[in-house]
N, C-alpha and C. Protein backbone atom coordinates (compact mmCIF):
# COMPACT_ATOMS: atom_id res chain seq x y z
N MET A 1 -2.02 -5.19 3.47
CA MET A 1 -3.28 -5.59 3.43
C MET A 1 -3.37 -7.30 2.18
N SER A 2 -4.26 -7.87 3.08
CA SER A 2 -4.49 -9.23 1.54
C SER A 2 -5.65 -8.50 1.15
N GLU A 3 -5.57 -8.84 -0.18
CA GLU A 3 -6.55 -8.55 -1.03
C GLU A 3 -7.75 -8.84 -0.88
N LYS A 4 -8.80 -8.59 -0.56
CA LYS A 4 -10.50 -9.01 -0.52
C LYS A 4 -11.00 -9.12 -1.98
N LYS A 5 -11.49 -10.02 -1.91
CA LYS A 5 -12.15 -10.12 -2.97
C LYS A 5 -13.78 -9.91 -3.01
N ALA A 6 -14.13 -8.92 -3.66
CA ALA A 6 -15.79 -8.38 -3.84
C ALA A 6 -16.58 -9.60 -4.20
N ILE A 7 -17.77 -9.81 -3.52
CA ILE A 7 -18.62 -10.62 -4.29
C ILE A 7 -19.66 -9.83 -5.52
N PHE A 8 -19.65 -8.70 -5.18
CA PHE A 8 -20.46 -7.75 -6.32
C PHE A 8 -19.27 -6.33 -6.50
N ASP A 9 -19.15 -6.02 -7.69
CA ASP A 9 -18.57 -4.76 -8.20
C ASP A 9 -19.34 -3.83 -8.56
N LYS A 10 -18.44 -2.64 -9.05
CA LYS A 10 -19.31 -1.34 -9.32
C LYS A 10 -20.67 -1.23 -10.16
N GLU A 11 -20.50 -2.14 -11.22
CA GLU A 11 -21.82 -2.00 -11.84
C GLU A 11 -23.03 -2.12 -11.36
N PHE A 12 -22.85 -3.55 -10.49
CA PHE A 12 -24.10 -4.15 -9.87
C PHE A 12 -24.42 -3.04 -8.62
N VAL A 13 -23.44 -2.81 -7.82
CA VAL A 13 -23.39 -2.06 -6.77
C VAL A 13 -24.11 -0.77 -6.89
N GLU A 14 -24.01 -0.09 -7.97
CA GLU A 14 -24.66 1.27 -8.21
C GLU A 14 -25.73 0.96 -8.70
N ASN A 15 -26.52 -0.10 -9.17
CA ASN A 15 -27.88 -0.37 -9.40
C ASN A 15 -28.74 -0.67 -8.10
N LEU A 16 -28.36 -0.64 -7.17
CA LEU A 16 -28.69 -1.07 -5.58
C LEU A 16 -28.75 0.33 -4.80
N ILE A 17 -28.28 1.37 -5.19
CA ILE A 17 -28.43 2.34 -4.56
C ILE A 17 -28.86 3.57 -5.11
N PRO A 18 -29.67 4.42 -4.66
CA PRO A 18 -30.12 5.72 -5.37
C PRO A 18 -29.35 6.84 -5.81
N GLN A 19 -28.27 6.81 -5.56
CA GLN A 19 -27.16 7.32 -6.06
C GLN A 19 -26.47 7.44 -7.19
N LYS A 20 -26.36 8.53 -8.28
CA LYS A 20 -25.81 8.18 -9.45
C LYS A 20 -24.52 8.87 -9.36
N PHE A 21 -23.56 8.64 -10.56
CA PHE A 21 -22.05 9.36 -10.77
C PHE A 21 -22.52 10.85 -11.12
N PRO A 22 -22.02 11.91 -10.43
CA PRO A 22 -20.57 11.39 -9.83
C PRO A 22 -20.54 11.36 -8.25
N PHE A 23 -21.99 11.01 -7.79
CA PHE A 23 -21.93 11.04 -6.52
C PHE A 23 -21.93 9.57 -5.90
N VAL A 24 -21.39 8.83 -6.40
CA VAL A 24 -21.32 7.47 -5.93
C VAL A 24 -20.36 7.38 -5.03
N MET A 25 -20.30 6.70 -3.86
CA MET A 25 -19.33 6.47 -3.14
C MET A 25 -18.97 5.28 -2.44
N VAL A 26 -19.71 4.19 -3.31
CA VAL A 26 -19.28 2.52 -2.64
C VAL A 26 -19.10 1.98 -4.24
N ASP A 27 -18.31 1.12 -4.52
CA ASP A 27 -17.96 0.58 -5.63
C ASP A 27 -18.12 -1.17 -5.33
N LYS A 28 -18.22 -1.69 -4.26
CA LYS A 28 -17.76 -2.83 -4.25
C LYS A 28 -18.57 -3.62 -2.97
N MET A 29 -19.34 -4.88 -2.94
CA MET A 29 -19.86 -5.15 -2.05
C MET A 29 -18.95 -6.50 -1.27
N PHE A 30 -18.27 -6.70 -0.42
CA PHE A 30 -17.48 -8.06 0.30
C PHE A 30 -18.42 -8.95 0.86
N SER A 31 -19.38 -8.36 1.24
CA SER A 31 -19.73 -9.50 2.08
C SER A 31 -21.49 -9.10 2.56
N PHE A 32 -22.46 -9.78 2.95
CA PHE A 32 -23.73 -9.27 3.16
C PHE A 32 -24.64 -10.33 4.15
N THR A 33 -24.87 -9.82 5.69
CA THR A 33 -25.98 -10.80 6.19
C THR A 33 -27.15 -9.79 6.43
N GLU A 34 -28.10 -10.47 6.96
CA GLU A 34 -29.40 -9.83 7.63
C GLU A 34 -29.10 -8.58 8.50
N THR A 35 -27.89 -8.60 9.30
CA THR A 35 -27.50 -7.78 10.25
C THR A 35 -26.07 -7.07 9.86
N SER A 36 -25.34 -7.15 8.66
CA SER A 36 -24.47 -6.52 8.56
C SER A 36 -24.05 -6.39 6.94
N ILE A 37 -23.01 -5.55 6.78
CA ILE A 37 -22.49 -5.51 5.22
C ILE A 37 -20.85 -4.94 5.35
N VAL A 38 -20.20 -5.53 4.15
CA VAL A 38 -18.90 -4.68 4.10
C VAL A 38 -18.56 -4.49 2.59
N SER A 39 -18.41 -3.14 2.44
CA SER A 39 -18.57 -2.25 1.22
C SER A 39 -17.20 -2.10 0.83
N GLY A 40 -17.07 -1.52 0.03
CA GLY A 40 -15.59 -0.78 -0.57
C GLY A 40 -15.58 0.05 -1.39
N PHE A 41 -14.71 1.03 -1.59
CA PHE A 41 -14.80 2.22 -2.31
C PHE A 41 -13.23 2.89 -2.60
N ARG A 42 -13.04 2.56 -4.11
CA ARG A 42 -11.41 3.05 -4.08
C ARG A 42 -11.61 4.37 -4.54
N ILE A 43 -10.80 5.43 -4.04
CA ILE A 43 -10.70 6.43 -3.90
C ILE A 43 -9.94 7.03 -5.67
N GLN A 44 -11.22 7.46 -6.58
CA GLN A 44 -10.10 8.13 -7.83
C GLN A 44 -10.54 9.64 -8.08
N SER A 45 -9.88 10.19 -8.56
CA SER A 45 -9.55 11.71 -8.47
C SER A 45 -10.69 12.24 -9.20
N ASP A 46 -12.03 11.53 -9.87
CA ASP A 46 -12.77 12.12 -10.20
C ASP A 46 -13.90 12.22 -9.28
N ALA A 47 -13.77 11.45 -7.91
CA ALA A 47 -14.63 11.53 -6.96
C ALA A 47 -14.76 12.90 -6.37
N ILE A 48 -16.41 13.28 -6.34
CA ILE A 48 -16.66 14.33 -6.10
C ILE A 48 -16.10 15.05 -4.53
N PHE A 49 -15.95 14.31 -3.43
CA PHE A 49 -15.25 14.71 -2.47
C PHE A 49 -13.35 14.77 -2.43
N PHE A 50 -13.15 14.51 -3.58
CA PHE A 50 -11.71 14.22 -3.59
C PHE A 50 -11.06 15.74 -3.74
N LYS A 51 -10.22 16.23 -2.79
CA LYS A 51 -9.61 17.56 -3.07
C LYS A 51 -8.25 17.82 -2.67
N ASP A 52 -7.28 18.31 -3.25
CA ASP A 52 -6.16 18.49 -3.06
C ASP A 52 -5.17 17.21 -2.18
N GLY A 53 -5.63 15.93 -3.11
CA GLY A 53 -5.03 14.63 -2.93
C GLY A 53 -5.56 13.95 -1.75
N TYR A 54 -6.87 14.28 -1.28
CA TYR A 54 -7.39 13.49 0.07
C TYR A 54 -8.83 13.33 -0.55
N PHE A 55 -9.47 12.08 0.18
CA PHE A 55 -10.74 12.11 0.07
C PHE A 55 -11.44 12.92 1.32
N LEU A 56 -12.45 13.70 1.73
CA LEU A 56 -12.45 14.56 2.47
C LEU A 56 -13.43 13.81 3.23
N GLU A 57 -13.41 14.49 4.44
CA GLU A 57 -14.42 14.02 5.96
C GLU A 57 -15.78 13.83 5.48
N SER A 58 -16.39 14.67 4.40
CA SER A 58 -17.64 14.61 4.05
C SER A 58 -17.94 13.46 3.09
N GLY A 59 -16.68 13.08 2.44
CA GLY A 59 -16.86 11.97 1.37
C GLY A 59 -16.65 10.95 2.07
N LEU A 60 -15.93 10.56 3.20
CA LEU A 60 -16.20 9.44 4.03
C LEU A 60 -17.71 9.23 4.86
N ILE A 61 -18.04 10.01 5.52
CA ILE A 61 -19.75 10.13 5.68
C ILE A 61 -20.73 10.04 4.87
N GLU A 62 -20.32 10.41 3.42
CA GLU A 62 -21.26 10.20 2.57
C GLU A 62 -21.05 8.57 2.18
N HIS A 63 -19.74 8.15 2.04
CA HIS A 63 -19.46 6.63 1.85
C HIS A 63 -20.12 5.84 2.75
N MET A 64 -20.16 6.30 4.29
CA MET A 64 -20.73 5.17 4.90
C MET A 64 -22.16 5.28 5.15
N ALA A 65 -22.80 6.02 4.55
CA ALA A 65 -24.37 6.41 4.24
C ALA A 65 -24.74 5.66 3.22
N GLN A 66 -23.91 5.60 2.27
CA GLN A 66 -23.88 4.95 1.06
C GLN A 66 -23.74 3.18 1.08
N SER A 67 -22.95 3.14 2.35
CA SER A 67 -22.71 1.47 2.66
C SER A 67 -24.00 1.22 3.18
N VAL A 68 -25.08 2.05 4.25
CA VAL A 68 -26.04 1.46 4.87
C VAL A 68 -27.33 1.71 3.50
N ALA A 69 -27.31 2.49 2.67
CA ALA A 69 -28.17 2.24 1.79
C ALA A 69 -27.84 0.74 0.42
N LEU A 70 -26.48 0.66 0.51
CA LEU A 70 -26.35 -0.69 -0.24
C LEU A 70 -26.83 -1.97 0.47
N HIS A 71 -26.92 -1.63 1.71
CA HIS A 71 -27.77 -2.61 2.59
C HIS A 71 -29.09 -3.28 2.49
N THR A 72 -29.86 -2.08 2.53
CA THR A 72 -31.17 -1.89 2.17
C THR A 72 -31.39 -2.29 0.61
N GLY A 73 -30.52 -1.79 -0.16
CA GLY A 73 -30.97 -2.24 -1.56
C GLY A 73 -30.59 -3.45 -1.81
N TYR A 74 -29.83 -4.14 -1.40
CA TYR A 74 -29.67 -5.61 -1.54
C TYR A 74 -30.62 -6.63 -0.81
N GLN A 75 -31.03 -6.10 0.49
CA GLN A 75 -32.46 -6.60 0.76
C GLN A 75 -33.31 -6.60 -0.29
N PHE A 76 -33.80 -5.15 -0.71
CA PHE A 76 -34.92 -5.58 -1.55
C PHE A 76 -35.02 -6.17 -2.98
N TYR A 77 -33.23 -6.35 -3.37
CA TYR A 77 -32.65 -7.04 -4.48
C TYR A 77 -33.44 -8.61 -4.36
N LEU A 78 -32.98 -8.87 -3.01
CA LEU A 78 -33.36 -10.16 -2.97
C LEU A 78 -34.81 -10.52 -3.03
N LYS A 79 -35.72 -9.40 -2.45
CA LYS A 79 -37.26 -9.88 -2.54
C LYS A 79 -37.56 -9.61 -3.56
N LYS A 80 -36.65 -9.06 -4.75
CA LYS A 80 -37.22 -8.98 -6.20
C LYS A 80 -38.09 -7.65 -6.11
N GLU A 81 -37.45 -6.70 -5.07
CA GLU A 81 -38.85 -5.38 -5.21
C GLU A 81 -37.51 -4.41 -5.47
N PRO A 82 -38.19 -3.20 -5.93
CA PRO A 82 -37.48 -2.20 -5.91
C PRO A 82 -36.81 -1.27 -4.74
N ALA A 83 -35.43 -0.92 -4.46
CA ALA A 83 -35.03 -0.58 -3.30
C ALA A 83 -36.02 1.33 -3.09
N PRO A 84 -35.94 1.53 -1.63
CA PRO A 84 -36.81 2.45 -1.59
C PRO A 84 -35.57 3.82 -1.54
N THR A 85 -35.90 4.76 -1.55
CA THR A 85 -35.27 5.97 -1.55
C THR A 85 -34.99 5.77 0.69
N GLY A 86 -33.85 6.30 1.09
CA GLY A 86 -33.98 6.74 2.20
C GLY A 86 -32.99 7.55 2.74
N TYR A 87 -33.10 8.31 3.73
CA TYR A 87 -31.95 9.51 4.17
C TYR A 87 -31.44 9.36 5.47
N ILE A 88 -30.80 10.41 5.71
CA ILE A 88 -30.04 10.26 7.10
C ILE A 88 -30.81 11.03 7.94
N GLY A 89 -31.05 10.26 9.06
CA GLY A 89 -31.95 10.60 10.46
C GLY A 89 -31.09 11.43 10.95
N SER A 90 -29.84 10.81 11.45
CA SER A 90 -28.76 11.40 12.84
C SER A 90 -27.80 10.81 12.14
N ILE A 91 -27.02 11.51 12.63
CA ILE A 91 -25.30 11.22 12.46
C ILE A 91 -24.69 11.27 14.02
N LYS A 92 -24.05 10.18 14.66
CA LYS A 92 -23.90 10.33 16.36
C LYS A 92 -22.39 9.82 16.12
N ASP A 93 -21.42 10.36 17.40
CA ASP A 93 -20.11 9.90 17.60
C ASP A 93 -19.33 9.67 16.33
N VAL A 94 -19.41 10.37 15.15
CA VAL A 94 -18.39 10.17 14.12
C VAL A 94 -16.87 10.87 14.44
N GLN A 95 -16.15 9.80 14.18
CA GLN A 95 -14.71 10.22 14.39
C GLN A 95 -13.80 9.58 12.90
N ILE A 96 -13.16 10.94 12.56
CA ILE A 96 -12.45 10.86 11.66
C ILE A 96 -11.07 10.68 11.68
N ILE A 97 -10.22 9.48 11.73
CA ILE A 97 -8.88 9.48 12.08
C ILE A 97 -7.79 10.02 11.10
N LYS A 98 -8.12 9.39 9.91
CA LYS A 98 -7.14 9.60 8.81
C LYS A 98 -8.05 9.45 7.34
N LEU A 99 -7.39 10.54 6.39
CA LEU A 99 -8.34 11.01 5.22
C LEU A 99 -7.42 9.79 4.31
N PRO A 100 -8.34 9.05 3.55
CA PRO A 100 -7.63 8.32 2.28
C PRO A 100 -7.35 9.02 1.49
N GLU A 101 -6.09 8.50 0.59
CA GLU A 101 -5.65 9.41 -0.45
C GLU A 101 -6.07 8.64 -1.88
N LEU A 102 -5.54 8.90 -2.89
CA LEU A 102 -5.92 8.75 -4.26
C LEU A 102 -5.57 7.34 -4.56
N ASP A 103 -6.28 6.55 -5.08
CA ASP A 103 -6.25 5.15 -5.26
C ASP A 103 -6.18 3.96 -4.09
N ASP A 104 -6.14 4.53 -2.76
CA ASP A 104 -6.49 4.09 -1.52
C ASP A 104 -7.94 3.50 -1.83
N GLU A 105 -8.00 2.06 -1.10
CA GLU A 105 -9.61 1.37 -1.24
C GLU A 105 -9.80 1.27 0.69
N ILE A 106 -11.02 1.87 0.39
CA ILE A 106 -11.40 1.77 2.11
C ILE A 106 -12.23 0.52 1.96
N VAL A 107 -12.46 0.14 3.15
CA VAL A 107 -13.26 -0.95 3.64
C VAL A 107 -14.21 -0.71 4.45
N THR A 108 -15.71 -0.91 4.82
CA THR A 108 -16.67 -0.34 5.54
C THR A 108 -17.23 -1.47 6.19
N THR A 109 -17.53 -1.63 7.50
CA THR A 109 -18.24 -2.52 7.89
C THR A 109 -19.81 -2.03 8.51
N VAL A 110 -20.65 -2.07 8.27
CA VAL A 110 -21.96 -1.50 8.91
C VAL A 110 -22.76 -2.74 9.41
N THR A 111 -22.49 -2.42 10.97
CA THR A 111 -23.46 -3.15 11.51
C THR A 111 -24.68 -2.97 12.17
N ILE A 112 -26.14 -3.72 11.99
CA ILE A 112 -27.48 -3.09 12.10
C ILE A 112 -27.48 -3.44 13.80
N LEU A 113 -27.84 -2.35 14.16
CA LEU A 113 -28.20 -2.42 15.83
C LEU A 113 -29.73 -2.57 16.14
N GLN A 114 -30.54 -1.83 15.34
CA GLN A 114 -31.85 -1.90 15.14
C GLN A 114 -32.62 -1.79 14.08
N GLU A 115 -33.81 -2.52 13.44
CA GLU A 115 -34.23 -1.89 12.51
C GLU A 115 -35.50 -2.24 12.97
N PHE A 116 -36.61 -0.93 12.86
CA PHE A 116 -38.10 -1.02 13.30
C PHE A 116 -38.91 -0.07 12.24
N ALA A 117 -39.82 -0.36 11.71
CA ALA A 117 -40.73 0.76 11.09
C ALA A 117 -39.73 1.29 10.49
N GLY A 118 -39.13 1.10 9.37
CA GLY A 118 -38.03 1.57 8.26
C GLY A 118 -37.05 2.64 8.85
N ILE A 119 -36.61 2.46 10.32
CA ILE A 119 -35.74 3.34 10.80
C ILE A 119 -34.63 2.22 11.06
N THR A 120 -33.37 2.55 10.87
CA THR A 120 -32.32 1.55 10.96
C THR A 120 -31.32 2.30 11.87
N LEU A 121 -30.71 1.85 12.70
CA LEU A 121 -29.68 2.16 13.66
C LEU A 121 -28.60 1.44 13.40
N VAL A 122 -27.23 2.33 13.05
CA VAL A 122 -26.04 1.11 12.81
C VAL A 122 -24.92 1.90 13.25
N ASP A 123 -24.15 1.19 13.43
CA ASP A 123 -22.72 1.20 13.74
C ASP A 123 -21.65 1.17 12.26
N ILE A 124 -21.11 2.00 12.38
CA ILE A 124 -20.09 1.94 10.92
C ILE A 124 -18.68 2.11 11.48
N ILE A 125 -17.80 1.39 10.90
CA ILE A 125 -16.07 1.42 11.16
C ILE A 125 -15.63 0.98 9.48
N THR A 126 -14.78 2.34 9.07
CA THR A 126 -14.24 2.38 7.81
C THR A 126 -12.81 2.10 8.06
N GLU A 127 -12.17 1.27 7.33
CA GLU A 127 -10.58 0.98 7.53
C GLU A 127 -10.07 0.58 6.19
N LEU A 128 -8.81 1.10 6.33
CA LEU A 128 -7.83 1.31 5.31
C LEU A 128 -6.46 0.29 5.54
N ASN A 129 -6.28 -0.37 4.60
CA ASN A 129 -5.16 -1.40 4.99
C ASN A 129 -5.59 -2.21 6.49
N GLY A 130 -6.79 -2.31 6.84
CA GLY A 130 -6.77 -3.11 8.25
C GLY A 130 -6.73 -2.30 9.32
N GLU A 131 -6.68 -0.78 9.18
CA GLU A 131 -6.46 0.26 9.92
C GLU A 131 -7.72 1.25 10.30
N MET A 132 -8.33 1.06 11.45
CA MET A 132 -9.62 1.74 11.39
C MET A 132 -9.44 3.47 11.09
N ILE A 133 -10.04 3.97 10.38
CA ILE A 133 -9.70 5.59 9.92
C ILE A 133 -10.95 6.18 10.19
N ALA A 134 -12.20 5.72 10.48
CA ALA A 134 -13.36 6.34 10.81
C ALA A 134 -14.27 5.72 11.46
N LYS A 135 -15.35 6.21 12.09
CA LYS A 135 -16.47 5.17 12.86
C LYS A 135 -17.41 6.30 13.16
N GLY A 136 -18.44 5.77 13.32
CA GLY A 136 -19.65 6.71 14.07
C GLY A 136 -20.82 5.54 14.26
N GLN A 137 -21.99 6.12 14.24
CA GLN A 137 -23.16 6.01 14.10
C GLN A 137 -24.13 6.54 13.57
N MET A 138 -25.26 5.73 12.78
CA MET A 138 -26.15 6.71 11.85
C MET A 138 -27.60 5.89 12.21
N LYS A 139 -28.54 6.82 12.01
CA LYS A 139 -29.95 5.89 11.94
C LYS A 139 -30.36 6.90 10.54
N THR A 140 -30.88 5.79 10.08
CA THR A 140 -31.51 5.92 8.32
C THR A 140 -32.87 5.56 8.29
N VAL A 141 -33.40 6.31 7.73
CA VAL A 141 -34.84 6.60 7.67
C VAL A 141 -35.38 6.08 6.16
N ILE A 142 -36.18 5.10 5.97
CA ILE A 142 -36.82 5.04 4.56
C ILE A 142 -38.11 5.82 4.28
N ALA A 143 -37.85 6.60 3.10
CA ALA A 143 -39.00 7.54 2.63
C ALA A 143 -40.37 6.97 2.30
N LYS A 144 -41.54 7.35 3.10
CA LYS A 144 -42.99 6.69 2.70
C LYS A 144 -43.49 7.32 1.74
C-alpha cells in the first residue's frame, strides 16, 4: 500500500471525539468533506480490543463508530463549537472479513447517506492495505 498522509494525527483527532484512552480507536484523519471522512487507526498492543494477536470484531465496530464521531466532531470544530456526545442508534449489515494484527493500519471511509435532526445514517468500509476487511451501515444519534 502506498503510504497515505494524514492531515491530522493522534493528538488533534483525540480532541474531536468524546472517547479517551484506552478506548480511542481512531488516531488519524486522512480526508474530510461534508458527506464523508477517511480515518485511520494503527493497531497497538495496548488497544482495549486487542487480544491473542488480533484486533477483535468489537474493536472494528467501535473504530467504525468513532470514525463517524470524528466526522461530527470535526464539523463542530470548524464551526468553533464543542462537539456533542452521540450514540450508536443501530448497526446493520456488518460484515467482518478479516481481523487486523499488531501494527496494521486500518483505513476507514464513512459516507453520509442521510442526516436529519441529529440522526445520521452512514455506510462504512474499513480497509487494510487497500483490501476491504469490514463494512456495514450505522445510524448515530446526537444526544440532546
